[in-house]
Amino acid sequence: MFKKIASIFLSVLYCLLFLVALLIIIFGTIAQKNHSIVKVFGYSYSVVATDSMEPTIMVGEIAIAKSTPFEEISQGDIIVFYSEDYEIYIIHRVHEILENGDLVTKGDNPSATIDEDPVTPENYFATVVKHGNFLNLGNLVLKYRSFVFVFIILIFVFIIVRELFSIAKQSKKTDEEKSKIQFEEQKQKAISEKKEQLRKEIIEEIMNERKK
């Protein structure tokens, strides 16, 4: 019984995890199309679309950023911030920290110039903690966004539906086994009651014979 409960629990957990992953990918893809970034549990990811950070971060790489306090940022950190002029999120390195705490940023590309406007707590987003190619997923998203979006949704929907059917099948099997156990218990109870009744009748007949 414990194994069956554990199996059902793991199936439900597995389904929920895939559902969460699906939502993250959906919101992430939508955010990518709208030139914004989705944030989950303090972390976010984005696909680098320009060469301003090359050769450190190449076009098509995925950058993972973490929400860290603005005052904890150090010179040399790579951060994500929103540019009001370009109306997009930018990933650049902190080149200098001004006396008022604002950040002067610049891309690692040798041809990149220092960004015109310093980064403030208002337009700061997060600090990049990891970046990489990750099986070329970034380039796929950049080149085939719509296709990748639909394909991922179909895969996760298939997995979720399959898991739901598996859970329903397991639940039905559990109910059938429970009904079988209840039937056997009732059968044994009926047999015991019948034996007890026969025993009483035999005793009663013996007592009657003795009285005669």
N, C-alpha and C. Protein backbone atom coordinates (compact mmCIF):
# COMPACT_ATOMS: atom_id res chain seq x y z
N MET A 1 0.83 -1.21 0.00
CA MET A 1 0.00 0.00 0.00
C MET A 1 0.87 1.26 0.00
N PHE A 2 1.94 1.24 0.84
CA PHE A 2 2.83 2.40 0.91
C PHE A 2 3.50 2.66 -0.44
N LYS A 3 3.91 1.58 -1.13
CA LYS A 3 4.56 1.73 -2.43
C LYS A 3 3.61 2.36 -3.45
N LYS A 4 2.35 1.98 -3.39
CA LYS A 4 1.37 2.53 -4.34
C LYS A 4 1.14 4.01 -4.07
N ILE A 5 1.04 4.37 -2.79
CA ILE A 5 0.86 5.78 -2.44
C ILE A 5 2.07 6.60 -2.87
N ALA A 6 3.27 6.04 -2.63
CA ALA A 6 4.50 6.73 -3.03
C ALA A 6 4.57 6.89 -4.54
N SER A 7 4.12 5.86 -5.27
CA SER A 7 4.14 5.91 -6.74
C SER A 7 3.20 7.00 -7.25
N ILE A 8 2.02 7.09 -6.65
CA ILE A 8 1.06 8.12 -7.06
C ILE A 8 1.60 9.50 -6.73
N PHE A 9 2.19 9.63 -5.53
CA PHE A 9 2.75 10.92 -5.12
C PHE A 9 3.86 11.37 -6.07
N LEU A 10 4.75 10.45 -6.43
CA LEU A 10 5.85 10.79 -7.33
C LEU A 10 5.34 11.15 -8.72
N SER A 11 4.29 10.47 -9.16
CA SER A 11 3.71 10.79 -10.47
C SER A 11 3.10 12.19 -10.48
N VAL A 12 2.40 12.52 -9.40
CA VAL A 12 1.81 13.86 -9.29
C VAL A 12 2.91 14.92 -9.22
N LEU A 13 3.94 14.64 -8.42
CA LEU A 13 5.06 15.58 -8.30
C LEU A 13 5.76 15.76 -9.63
N TYR A 14 5.96 14.67 -10.34
CA TYR A 14 6.60 14.71 -11.66
C TYR A 14 5.78 15.56 -12.62
N CYS A 15 4.48 15.38 -12.57
CA CYS A 15 3.58 16.15 -13.44
C CYS A 15 3.63 17.63 -13.10
N LEU A 16 3.63 17.95 -11.80
CA LEU A 16 3.67 19.35 -11.38
C LEU A 16 4.98 20.02 -11.78
N LEU A 17 6.08 19.28 -11.65
CA LEU A 17 7.38 19.84 -12.03
C LEU A 17 7.42 20.16 -13.51
N PHE A 18 6.87 19.27 -14.31
CA PHE A 18 6.85 19.53 -15.75
C PHE A 18 5.92 20.68 -16.09
N LEU A 19 4.83 20.80 -15.33
CA LEU A 19 3.91 21.91 -15.55
C LEU A 19 4.60 23.23 -15.22
N VAL A 20 5.33 23.25 -14.11
CA VAL A 20 6.08 24.47 -13.75
C VAL A 20 7.11 24.80 -14.82
N ALA A 21 7.83 23.77 -15.28
CA ALA A 21 8.83 23.99 -16.32
C ALA A 21 8.19 24.51 -17.60
N LEU A 22 7.02 23.96 -17.92
CA LEU A 22 6.31 24.42 -19.10
C LEU A 22 5.93 25.90 -18.98
N LEU A 23 5.41 26.28 -17.82
CA LEU A 23 5.03 27.68 -17.60
C LEU A 23 6.23 28.61 -17.69
N ILE A 24 7.37 28.14 -17.13
CA ILE A 24 8.59 28.96 -17.20
C ILE A 24 9.01 29.17 -18.64
N ILE A 25 8.96 28.10 -19.44
CA ILE A 25 9.37 28.21 -20.84
C ILE A 25 8.39 29.08 -21.62
N ILE A 26 7.09 28.91 -21.36
CA ILE A 26 6.09 29.72 -22.07
C ILE A 26 6.28 31.19 -21.76
N PHE A 27 6.34 31.51 -20.45
CA PHE A 27 6.52 32.92 -20.07
C PHE A 27 7.86 33.46 -20.55
N GLY A 28 8.88 32.59 -20.53
CA GLY A 28 10.19 33.02 -21.00
C GLY A 28 10.19 33.33 -22.48
N THR A 29 9.52 32.49 -23.26
CA THR A 29 9.45 32.72 -24.71
C THR A 29 8.64 33.97 -25.02
N ILE A 30 7.53 34.14 -24.31
CA ILE A 30 6.71 35.34 -24.51
C ILE A 30 7.51 36.59 -24.14
N ALA A 31 8.24 36.49 -23.01
CA ALA A 31 9.06 37.63 -22.59
C ALA A 31 10.14 37.93 -23.62
N GLN A 32 10.71 36.87 -24.20
CA GLN A 32 11.75 37.07 -25.22
C GLN A 32 11.18 37.79 -26.43
N LYS A 33 9.97 37.42 -26.82
CA LYS A 33 9.34 38.07 -27.97
C LYS A 33 9.04 39.54 -27.67
N ASN A 34 8.71 39.83 -26.42
CA ASN A 34 8.37 41.20 -26.02
C ASN A 34 9.60 41.98 -25.55
N HIS A 35 10.78 41.37 -25.73
CA HIS A 35 12.03 42.01 -25.31
C HIS A 35 12.05 42.32 -23.82
N SER A 36 11.51 41.41 -23.05
CA SER A 36 11.55 41.53 -21.60
C SER A 36 12.11 40.23 -21.03
N ILE A 37 12.21 40.15 -19.71
CA ILE A 37 12.82 38.98 -19.08
C ILE A 37 11.89 38.45 -18.00
N VAL A 38 11.72 37.12 -17.99
CA VAL A 38 10.91 36.50 -16.95
C VAL A 38 11.80 36.17 -15.76
N LYS A 39 11.25 36.29 -14.55
CA LYS A 39 12.00 36.01 -13.33
C LYS A 39 11.24 34.99 -12.50
N VAL A 40 11.94 33.93 -12.09
CA VAL A 40 11.33 32.87 -11.29
C VAL A 40 12.24 32.57 -10.11
N PHE A 41 11.67 32.72 -8.87
CA PHE A 41 12.42 32.47 -7.64
C PHE A 41 13.73 33.26 -7.60
N GLY A 42 13.69 34.47 -8.11
CA GLY A 42 14.87 35.33 -8.06
C GLY A 42 15.86 35.13 -9.18
N TYR A 43 15.61 34.15 -10.05
CA TYR A 43 16.50 33.89 -11.18
C TYR A 43 15.79 34.18 -12.50
N SER A 44 16.56 34.53 -13.49
CA SER A 44 16.00 34.78 -14.81
C SER A 44 17.01 34.33 -15.86
N TYR A 45 16.54 34.20 -17.08
CA TYR A 45 17.45 33.84 -18.16
C TYR A 45 17.07 34.63 -19.41
N SER A 46 18.04 34.83 -20.26
CA SER A 46 17.78 35.52 -21.52
C SER A 46 18.79 35.06 -22.55
N VAL A 47 18.41 35.14 -23.79
CA VAL A 47 19.29 34.76 -24.89
C VAL A 47 19.99 36.02 -25.39
N VAL A 48 21.31 36.00 -25.45
CA VAL A 48 22.08 37.16 -25.89
C VAL A 48 21.95 37.30 -27.40
N ALA A 49 21.46 38.47 -27.83
CA ALA A 49 21.16 38.66 -29.25
C ALA A 49 22.16 39.57 -29.96
N THR A 50 23.07 40.22 -29.21
CA THR A 50 24.05 41.11 -29.84
C THR A 50 25.46 40.70 -29.46
N ASP A 51 26.46 41.30 -30.15
CA ASP A 51 27.85 40.94 -29.92
C ASP A 51 28.56 41.91 -28.98
N SER A 52 27.81 42.71 -28.22
CA SER A 52 28.43 43.75 -27.39
C SER A 52 29.28 43.17 -26.26
N MET A 53 29.05 41.89 -25.88
CA MET A 53 29.82 41.29 -24.79
C MET A 53 30.85 40.27 -25.31
N GLU A 54 31.00 40.16 -26.62
CA GLU A 54 32.01 39.24 -27.15
C GLU A 54 33.41 39.79 -26.87
N PRO A 55 34.39 38.96 -26.59
CA PRO A 55 34.35 37.48 -26.68
C PRO A 55 33.94 36.77 -25.40
N THR A 56 33.54 37.53 -24.37
CA THR A 56 33.15 36.90 -23.10
C THR A 56 31.85 36.12 -23.25
N ILE A 57 30.83 36.78 -23.78
CA ILE A 57 29.53 36.14 -24.01
C ILE A 57 29.21 36.29 -25.50
N MET A 58 29.07 35.15 -26.16
CA MET A 58 28.83 35.16 -27.59
C MET A 58 27.34 35.26 -27.91
N VAL A 59 27.05 35.71 -29.13
CA VAL A 59 25.67 35.78 -29.59
C VAL A 59 25.07 34.37 -29.57
N GLY A 60 23.88 34.24 -29.03
CA GLY A 60 23.21 32.95 -28.96
C GLY A 60 23.40 32.24 -27.64
N GLU A 61 24.32 32.72 -26.81
CA GLU A 61 24.49 32.10 -25.50
C GLU A 61 23.32 32.48 -24.58
N ILE A 62 23.08 31.63 -23.60
CA ILE A 62 22.04 31.89 -22.61
C ILE A 62 22.70 32.41 -21.34
N ALA A 63 22.23 33.55 -20.88
CA ALA A 63 22.76 34.15 -19.65
C ALA A 63 21.76 33.95 -18.52
N ILE A 64 22.23 33.40 -17.40
CA ILE A 64 21.38 33.20 -16.23
C ILE A 64 21.75 34.25 -15.19
N ALA A 65 20.75 35.00 -14.75
CA ALA A 65 21.00 36.11 -13.82
C ALA A 65 20.25 35.88 -12.51
N LYS A 66 20.81 36.43 -11.44
CA LYS A 66 20.21 36.30 -10.10
C LYS A 66 19.94 37.69 -9.54
N SER A 67 18.82 37.82 -8.88
CA SER A 67 18.47 39.10 -8.26
C SER A 67 19.34 39.30 -7.02
N THR A 68 20.30 40.19 -7.11
CA THR A 68 21.16 40.51 -5.98
C THR A 68 20.98 41.99 -5.64
N PRO A 69 21.14 42.36 -4.38
CA PRO A 69 20.98 43.76 -3.99
C PRO A 69 21.91 44.68 -4.79
N PHE A 70 21.38 45.83 -5.16
CA PHE A 70 22.13 46.79 -5.97
C PHE A 70 23.42 47.20 -5.28
N GLU A 71 23.37 47.37 -3.95
CA GLU A 71 24.55 47.84 -3.22
C GLU A 71 25.64 46.79 -3.10
N GLU A 72 25.35 45.54 -3.46
CA GLU A 72 26.34 44.48 -3.38
C GLU A 72 27.11 44.28 -4.68
N ILE A 73 26.74 45.03 -5.70
CA ILE A 73 27.41 44.90 -6.99
C ILE A 73 28.82 45.47 -6.92
N SER A 74 29.77 44.76 -7.51
CA SER A 74 31.16 45.19 -7.50
C SER A 74 31.63 45.52 -8.92
N GLN A 75 32.69 46.28 -8.99
CA GLN A 75 33.28 46.58 -10.28
C GLN A 75 33.75 45.28 -10.94
N GLY A 76 33.41 45.12 -12.20
CA GLY A 76 33.76 43.90 -12.92
C GLY A 76 32.61 42.92 -13.04
N ASP A 77 31.56 43.10 -12.24
CA ASP A 77 30.39 42.22 -12.35
C ASP A 77 29.67 42.47 -13.67
N ILE A 78 29.06 41.41 -14.19
CA ILE A 78 28.23 41.53 -15.38
C ILE A 78 26.78 41.63 -14.92
N ILE A 79 26.10 42.67 -15.32
CA ILE A 79 24.74 42.90 -14.83
C ILE A 79 23.75 43.02 -16.00
N VAL A 80 22.49 42.91 -15.64
CA VAL A 80 21.39 43.11 -16.59
C VAL A 80 20.64 44.36 -16.16
N PHE A 81 20.42 45.26 -17.09
CA PHE A 81 19.68 46.49 -16.76
C PHE A 81 18.81 46.90 -17.94
N TYR A 82 17.83 47.73 -17.66
CA TYR A 82 16.90 48.17 -18.71
C TYR A 82 17.32 49.53 -19.24
N SER A 83 17.39 49.64 -20.56
CA SER A 83 17.76 50.89 -21.20
C SER A 83 16.50 51.61 -21.67
N GLU A 84 16.28 52.79 -21.12
CA GLU A 84 15.11 53.57 -21.53
C GLU A 84 15.25 54.06 -22.98
N ASP A 85 16.49 54.33 -23.39
CA ASP A 85 16.73 54.84 -24.74
C ASP A 85 16.40 53.78 -25.80
N TYR A 86 16.86 52.55 -25.56
CA TYR A 86 16.66 51.47 -26.54
C TYR A 86 15.43 50.61 -26.23
N GLU A 87 14.87 50.79 -25.03
CA GLU A 87 13.69 50.05 -24.59
C GLU A 87 13.92 48.54 -24.63
N ILE A 88 15.10 48.13 -24.20
CA ILE A 88 15.45 46.71 -24.12
C ILE A 88 16.30 46.48 -22.88
N TYR A 89 16.45 45.20 -22.52
CA TYR A 89 17.36 44.84 -21.43
C TYR A 89 18.75 44.60 -22.01
N ILE A 90 19.75 45.08 -21.34
CA ILE A 90 21.13 45.00 -21.81
C ILE A 90 21.99 44.26 -20.79
N ILE A 91 22.92 43.44 -21.29
CA ILE A 91 23.88 42.75 -20.43
C ILE A 91 25.25 43.35 -20.67
N HIS A 92 25.77 44.09 -19.71
CA HIS A 92 27.09 44.71 -19.81
C HIS A 92 27.83 44.58 -18.49
N ARG A 93 29.14 44.82 -18.55
CA ARG A 93 29.98 44.72 -17.37
C ARG A 93 30.08 46.08 -16.65
N VAL A 94 30.16 46.03 -15.31
CA VAL A 94 30.32 47.25 -14.53
C VAL A 94 31.76 47.75 -14.70
N HIS A 95 31.89 48.91 -15.32
CA HIS A 95 33.22 49.48 -15.60
C HIS A 95 33.70 50.37 -14.44
N GLU A 96 32.73 51.00 -13.79
CA GLU A 96 33.10 51.92 -12.70
C GLU A 96 31.88 52.13 -11.79
N ILE A 97 32.15 52.37 -10.52
CA ILE A 97 31.08 52.70 -9.57
C ILE A 97 31.27 54.16 -9.14
N LEU A 98 30.27 54.99 -9.41
CA LEU A 98 30.36 56.41 -9.08
C LEU A 98 30.21 56.64 -7.58
N GLU A 99 30.53 57.84 -7.15
CA GLU A 99 30.45 58.18 -5.72
C GLU A 99 29.03 58.06 -5.18
N ASN A 100 28.03 58.34 -6.02
CA ASN A 100 26.65 58.24 -5.57
C ASN A 100 26.10 56.81 -5.65
N GLY A 101 26.96 55.87 -6.07
CA GLY A 101 26.56 54.47 -6.12
C GLY A 101 26.09 54.00 -7.48
N ASP A 102 25.83 54.91 -8.41
CA ASP A 102 25.39 54.51 -9.74
C ASP A 102 26.51 53.78 -10.47
N LEU A 103 26.15 52.97 -11.46
CA LEU A 103 27.11 52.10 -12.13
C LEU A 103 27.36 52.55 -13.56
N VAL A 104 28.62 52.67 -13.90
CA VAL A 104 29.01 52.95 -15.28
C VAL A 104 29.30 51.61 -15.94
N THR A 105 28.66 51.32 -17.07
CA THR A 105 28.77 50.01 -17.70
C THR A 105 29.35 50.11 -19.11
N LYS A 106 29.83 48.96 -19.56
CA LYS A 106 30.42 48.88 -20.90
C LYS A 106 30.45 47.43 -21.34
N GLY A 107 30.24 47.19 -22.63
CA GLY A 107 30.35 45.84 -23.17
C GLY A 107 31.80 45.42 -23.28
N ASP A 108 32.07 44.12 -23.25
CA ASP A 108 33.44 43.60 -23.34
C ASP A 108 34.00 43.67 -24.76
N ASN A 109 33.14 43.86 -25.74
CA ASN A 109 33.60 43.96 -27.12
C ASN A 109 34.55 45.16 -27.24
N PRO A 110 35.76 44.95 -27.79
CA PRO A 110 36.73 46.05 -27.90
C PRO A 110 36.17 47.29 -28.61
N SER A 111 35.22 47.09 -29.50
CA SER A 111 34.65 48.23 -30.23
C SER A 111 33.54 48.93 -29.46
N ALA A 112 33.13 48.33 -28.32
CA ALA A 112 32.03 48.92 -27.54
C ALA A 112 32.52 50.13 -26.77
N THR A 113 31.65 51.12 -26.66
CA THR A 113 31.97 52.33 -25.89
C THR A 113 31.24 52.29 -24.56
N ILE A 114 31.66 53.15 -23.64
CA ILE A 114 31.00 53.23 -22.33
C ILE A 114 29.56 53.69 -22.53
N ASP A 115 28.63 53.02 -21.85
CA ASP A 115 27.21 53.37 -21.98
C ASP A 115 26.97 54.80 -21.49
N GLU A 116 26.11 55.51 -22.22
CA GLU A 116 25.87 56.92 -21.93
C GLU A 116 25.30 57.15 -20.54
N ASP A 117 24.28 56.39 -20.20
CA ASP A 117 23.59 56.62 -18.92
C ASP A 117 24.01 55.60 -17.87
N PRO A 118 24.39 56.05 -16.67
CA PRO A 118 24.73 55.12 -15.58
C PRO A 118 23.51 54.29 -15.18
N VAL A 119 23.79 53.13 -14.64
CA VAL A 119 22.72 52.25 -14.16
C VAL A 119 22.39 52.63 -12.72
N THR A 120 21.10 52.78 -12.45
CA THR A 120 20.62 53.15 -11.11
C THR A 120 19.80 52.00 -10.53
N PRO A 121 19.47 52.07 -9.24
CA PRO A 121 18.62 51.01 -8.66
C PRO A 121 17.29 50.87 -9.39
N GLU A 122 16.83 51.95 -10.04
CA GLU A 122 15.53 51.92 -10.71
C GLU A 122 15.54 51.06 -11.98
N ASN A 123 16.64 51.07 -12.73
CA ASN A 123 16.64 50.29 -13.97
C ASN A 123 17.55 49.05 -13.90
N TYR A 124 18.16 48.83 -12.73
CA TYR A 124 18.95 47.60 -12.54
C TYR A 124 18.00 46.42 -12.42
N PHE A 125 18.40 45.27 -13.02
CA PHE A 125 17.53 44.09 -13.01
C PHE A 125 18.14 42.93 -12.21
N ALA A 126 19.35 42.50 -12.59
CA ALA A 126 19.96 41.35 -11.92
C ALA A 126 21.44 41.26 -12.30
N THR A 127 22.13 40.31 -11.63
CA THR A 127 23.54 40.08 -11.90
C THR A 127 23.73 38.72 -12.57
N VAL A 128 24.48 38.69 -13.66
CA VAL A 128 24.71 37.44 -14.38
C VAL A 128 25.61 36.53 -13.55
N VAL A 129 25.14 35.30 -13.31
CA VAL A 129 25.91 34.35 -12.51
C VAL A 129 26.46 33.20 -13.36
N LYS A 130 25.88 33.00 -14.55
CA LYS A 130 26.35 31.93 -15.42
C LYS A 130 25.90 32.21 -16.85
N HIS A 131 26.71 31.78 -17.78
CA HIS A 131 26.32 31.90 -19.18
C HIS A 131 26.98 30.79 -19.96
N GLY A 132 26.38 30.41 -21.07
CA GLY A 132 26.94 29.33 -21.87
C GLY A 132 26.07 29.00 -23.05
N ASN A 133 26.55 28.05 -23.86
CA ASN A 133 25.85 27.67 -25.08
C ASN A 133 24.64 26.80 -24.78
N PHE A 134 24.80 25.86 -23.81
CA PHE A 134 23.71 24.97 -23.39
C PHE A 134 23.03 24.27 -24.57
N LEU A 135 23.83 23.44 -25.27
CA LEU A 135 23.32 22.63 -26.38
C LEU A 135 22.75 23.46 -27.53
N ASN A 136 23.27 24.67 -27.68
CA ASN A 136 22.88 25.55 -28.79
C ASN A 136 21.41 25.97 -28.73
N LEU A 137 20.81 25.89 -27.54
CA LEU A 137 19.40 26.25 -27.40
C LEU A 137 19.17 27.73 -27.68
N GLY A 138 20.12 28.57 -27.28
CA GLY A 138 19.97 30.00 -27.50
C GLY A 138 19.84 30.36 -28.96
N ASN A 139 20.71 29.78 -29.79
CA ASN A 139 20.65 30.06 -31.23
C ASN A 139 19.36 29.54 -31.84
N LEU A 140 18.90 28.40 -31.36
CA LEU A 140 17.63 27.87 -31.86
C LEU A 140 16.49 28.81 -31.55
N VAL A 141 16.50 29.36 -30.33
CA VAL A 141 15.44 30.29 -29.94
C VAL A 141 15.50 31.55 -30.79
N LEU A 142 16.72 32.05 -31.04
CA LEU A 142 16.86 33.28 -31.83
C LEU A 142 16.40 33.08 -33.26
N LYS A 143 16.74 31.92 -33.84
CA LYS A 143 16.44 31.69 -35.26
C LYS A 143 15.02 31.19 -35.50
N TYR A 144 14.54 30.35 -34.58
CA TYR A 144 13.23 29.71 -34.79
C TYR A 144 12.35 29.88 -33.57
N ARG A 145 12.15 31.10 -33.13
CA ARG A 145 11.39 31.35 -31.89
C ARG A 145 10.01 30.73 -31.92
N SER A 146 9.25 31.03 -32.95
CA SER A 146 7.87 30.55 -33.02
C SER A 146 7.82 29.04 -33.07
N PHE A 147 8.69 28.44 -33.88
CA PHE A 147 8.70 26.98 -34.01
C PHE A 147 9.09 26.33 -32.69
N VAL A 148 10.16 26.83 -32.07
CA VAL A 148 10.62 26.28 -30.79
C VAL A 148 9.55 26.41 -29.73
N PHE A 149 8.89 27.57 -29.72
CA PHE A 149 7.82 27.83 -28.74
C PHE A 149 6.70 26.79 -28.87
N VAL A 150 6.22 26.58 -30.09
CA VAL A 150 5.13 25.62 -30.32
C VAL A 150 5.60 24.20 -30.03
N PHE A 151 6.82 23.87 -30.48
CA PHE A 151 7.35 22.52 -30.31
C PHE A 151 7.48 22.17 -28.82
N ILE A 152 8.01 23.10 -28.04
CA ILE A 152 8.18 22.86 -26.61
C ILE A 152 6.82 22.68 -25.93
N ILE A 153 5.87 23.51 -26.30
CA ILE A 153 4.52 23.39 -25.72
C ILE A 153 3.94 22.01 -26.02
N LEU A 154 4.06 21.56 -27.27
CA LEU A 154 3.51 20.26 -27.65
C LEU A 154 4.17 19.13 -26.87
N ILE A 155 5.49 19.21 -26.70
CA ILE A 155 6.20 18.17 -25.95
C ILE A 155 5.72 18.11 -24.51
N PHE A 156 5.63 19.26 -23.87
CA PHE A 156 5.24 19.28 -22.46
C PHE A 156 3.76 18.92 -22.29
N VAL A 157 2.93 19.33 -23.22
CA VAL A 157 1.51 18.95 -23.14
C VAL A 157 1.39 17.43 -23.26
N PHE A 158 2.15 16.84 -24.18
CA PHE A 158 2.13 15.38 -24.35
C PHE A 158 2.56 14.68 -23.07
N ILE A 159 3.65 15.16 -22.47
CA ILE A 159 4.16 14.55 -21.23
C ILE A 159 3.15 14.68 -20.11
N ILE A 160 2.55 15.86 -19.98
CA ILE A 160 1.58 16.09 -18.90
C ILE A 160 0.35 15.20 -19.09
N VAL A 161 -0.16 15.13 -20.32
CA VAL A 161 -1.34 14.30 -20.60
C VAL A 161 -1.02 12.83 -20.31
N ARG A 162 0.18 12.39 -20.72
CA ARG A 162 0.58 11.00 -20.47
C ARG A 162 0.64 10.72 -18.97
N GLU A 163 1.18 11.66 -18.22
CA GLU A 163 1.27 11.48 -16.77
C GLU A 163 -0.11 11.46 -16.12
N LEU A 164 -1.00 12.30 -16.61
CA LEU A 164 -2.36 12.32 -16.07
C LEU A 164 -3.07 11.00 -16.31
N PHE A 165 -2.87 10.44 -17.52
CA PHE A 165 -3.46 9.14 -17.83
C PHE A 165 -2.84 8.05 -16.94
N SER A 166 -1.54 8.16 -16.71
CA SER A 166 -0.86 7.19 -15.85
C SER A 166 -1.39 7.26 -14.42
N ILE A 167 -1.60 8.49 -13.94
CA ILE A 167 -2.14 8.67 -12.59
C ILE A 167 -3.55 8.12 -12.49
N ALA A 168 -4.36 8.41 -13.53
CA ALA A 168 -5.75 7.92 -13.53
C ALA A 168 -5.78 6.39 -13.57
N LYS A 169 -4.89 5.80 -14.38
CA LYS A 169 -4.82 4.34 -14.48
C LYS A 169 -4.40 3.72 -13.16
N GLN A 170 -3.41 4.32 -12.53
CA GLN A 170 -2.92 3.83 -11.24
C GLN A 170 -4.00 3.96 -10.17
N SER A 171 -4.73 5.07 -10.22
CA SER A 171 -5.81 5.30 -9.26
C SER A 171 -6.93 4.27 -9.44
N LYS A 172 -7.26 3.98 -10.70
CA LYS A 172 -8.29 2.98 -10.99
C LYS A 172 -7.86 1.60 -10.50
N LYS A 173 -6.59 1.27 -10.74
CA LYS A 173 -6.05 -0.02 -10.30
C LYS A 173 -6.10 -0.12 -8.79
N THR A 174 -5.76 0.97 -8.12
CA THR A 174 -5.78 1.01 -6.66
C THR A 174 -7.20 0.81 -6.14
N ASP A 175 -8.17 1.47 -6.79
CA ASP A 175 -9.58 1.33 -6.38
C ASP A 175 -10.06 -0.11 -6.57
N GLU A 176 -9.65 -0.73 -7.68
CA GLU A 176 -10.06 -2.11 -7.95
C GLU A 176 -9.48 -3.06 -6.89
N GLU A 177 -8.21 -2.84 -6.57
CA GLU A 177 -7.58 -3.69 -5.55
C GLU A 177 -8.21 -3.46 -4.18
N LYS A 178 -8.57 -2.21 -3.91
CA LYS A 178 -9.22 -1.91 -2.63
C LYS A 178 -10.58 -2.58 -2.55
N SER A 179 -11.32 -2.55 -3.67
CA SER A 179 -12.64 -3.21 -3.71
C SER A 179 -12.49 -4.71 -3.54
N LYS A 180 -11.44 -5.28 -4.15
CA LYS A 180 -11.20 -6.71 -4.03
C LYS A 180 -10.90 -7.09 -2.58
N ILE A 181 -10.09 -6.27 -1.92
CA ILE A 181 -9.76 -6.52 -0.52
C ILE A 181 -11.00 -6.44 0.35
N GLN A 182 -11.83 -5.42 0.10
CA GLN A 182 -13.07 -5.27 0.87
C GLN A 182 -14.00 -6.46 0.66
N PHE A 183 -14.06 -6.94 -0.61
CA PHE A 183 -14.90 -8.10 -0.90
C PHE A 183 -14.43 -9.34 -0.15
N GLU A 184 -13.09 -9.53 -0.14
CA GLU A 184 -12.53 -10.68 0.56
C GLU A 184 -12.80 -10.58 2.06
N GLU A 185 -12.69 -9.38 2.61
CA GLU A 185 -12.95 -9.18 4.04
C GLU A 185 -14.40 -9.49 4.38
N GLN A 186 -15.31 -9.01 3.52
CA GLN A 186 -16.73 -9.28 3.73
C GLN A 186 -17.04 -10.77 3.60
N LYS A 187 -16.36 -11.42 2.64
CA LYS A 187 -16.56 -12.86 2.42
C LYS A 187 -16.11 -13.65 3.65
N GLN A 188 -14.92 -13.29 4.17
CA GLN A 188 -14.39 -13.97 5.35
C GLN A 188 -15.28 -13.73 6.57
N LYS A 189 -15.81 -12.51 6.65
CA LYS A 189 -16.70 -12.17 7.77
C LYS A 189 -17.97 -13.00 7.69
N ALA A 190 -18.52 -13.14 6.47
CA ALA A 190 -19.75 -13.91 6.28
C ALA A 190 -19.52 -15.39 6.62
N ILE A 191 -18.33 -15.92 6.21
CA ILE A 191 -18.01 -17.32 6.51
C ILE A 191 -17.87 -17.52 8.02
N SER A 192 -17.23 -16.56 8.67
CA SER A 192 -17.05 -16.66 10.13
C SER A 192 -18.40 -16.61 10.84
N GLU A 193 -19.29 -15.72 10.38
CA GLU A 193 -20.61 -15.62 11.00
C GLU A 193 -21.41 -16.90 10.78
N LYS A 194 -21.27 -17.49 9.59
CA LYS A 194 -21.99 -18.74 9.29
C LYS A 194 -21.46 -19.87 10.17
N LYS A 195 -20.14 -19.96 10.34
CA LYS A 195 -19.56 -20.98 11.21
C LYS A 195 -20.02 -20.82 12.64
N GLU A 196 -20.07 -19.57 13.10
CA GLU A 196 -20.50 -19.31 14.47
C GLU A 196 -21.96 -19.69 14.66
N GLN A 197 -22.77 -19.41 13.63
CA GLN A 197 -24.19 -19.77 13.70
C GLN A 197 -24.36 -21.28 13.75
N LEU A 198 -23.62 -22.01 12.91
CA LEU A 198 -23.69 -23.48 12.91
C LEU A 198 -23.22 -24.05 14.25
N ARG A 199 -22.17 -23.44 14.81
CA ARG A 199 -21.67 -23.90 16.10
C ARG A 199 -22.72 -23.75 17.19
N LYS A 200 -23.42 -22.63 17.17
CA LYS A 200 -24.47 -22.39 18.17
C LYS A 200 -25.62 -23.36 17.98
N GLU A 201 -25.96 -23.65 16.72
CA GLU A 201 -27.07 -24.58 16.46
C GLU A 201 -26.73 -25.99 16.94
N ILE A 202 -25.46 -26.38 16.68
CA ILE A 202 -25.02 -27.71 17.13
C ILE A 202 -25.06 -27.81 18.65
N ILE A 203 -24.55 -26.76 19.31
CA ILE A 203 -24.56 -26.74 20.78
C ILE A 203 -25.99 -26.79 21.30
N GLU A 204 -26.88 -26.05 20.63
CA GLU A 204 -28.28 -26.01 21.07
C GLU A 204 -28.93 -27.38 20.91
N GLU A 205 -28.61 -28.10 19.82
CA GLU A 205 -29.17 -29.43 19.60
C GLU A 205 -28.66 -30.41 20.66
N ILE A 206 -27.39 -30.30 20.97
CA ILE A 206 -26.80 -31.19 21.99
C ILE A 206 -27.47 -30.95 23.35
N MET A 207 -27.70 -29.70 23.68
CA MET A 207 -28.33 -29.35 24.94
C MET A 207 -29.76 -29.88 24.99
N ASN A 208 -30.45 -29.76 23.87
CA ASN A 208 -31.82 -30.29 23.80
C ASN A 208 -31.86 -31.79 23.97
N GLU A 209 -30.87 -32.50 23.37
CA GLU A 209 -30.82 -33.96 23.47
C GLU A 209 -30.54 -34.38 24.92
N ARG A 210 -29.72 -33.65 25.61
CA ARG A 210 -29.40 -33.96 27.00
C ARG A 210 -30.63 -33.76 27.90
N LYS A 211 -31.43 -32.76 27.60
CA LYS A 211 -32.62 -32.50 28.41
C LYS A 211 -33.62 -33.63 28.28
N LYS A 212 -33.65 -34.23 27.12
CA LYS A 212 -34.58 -35.34 26.92
C LYS A 212 -34.17 -36.57 27.74
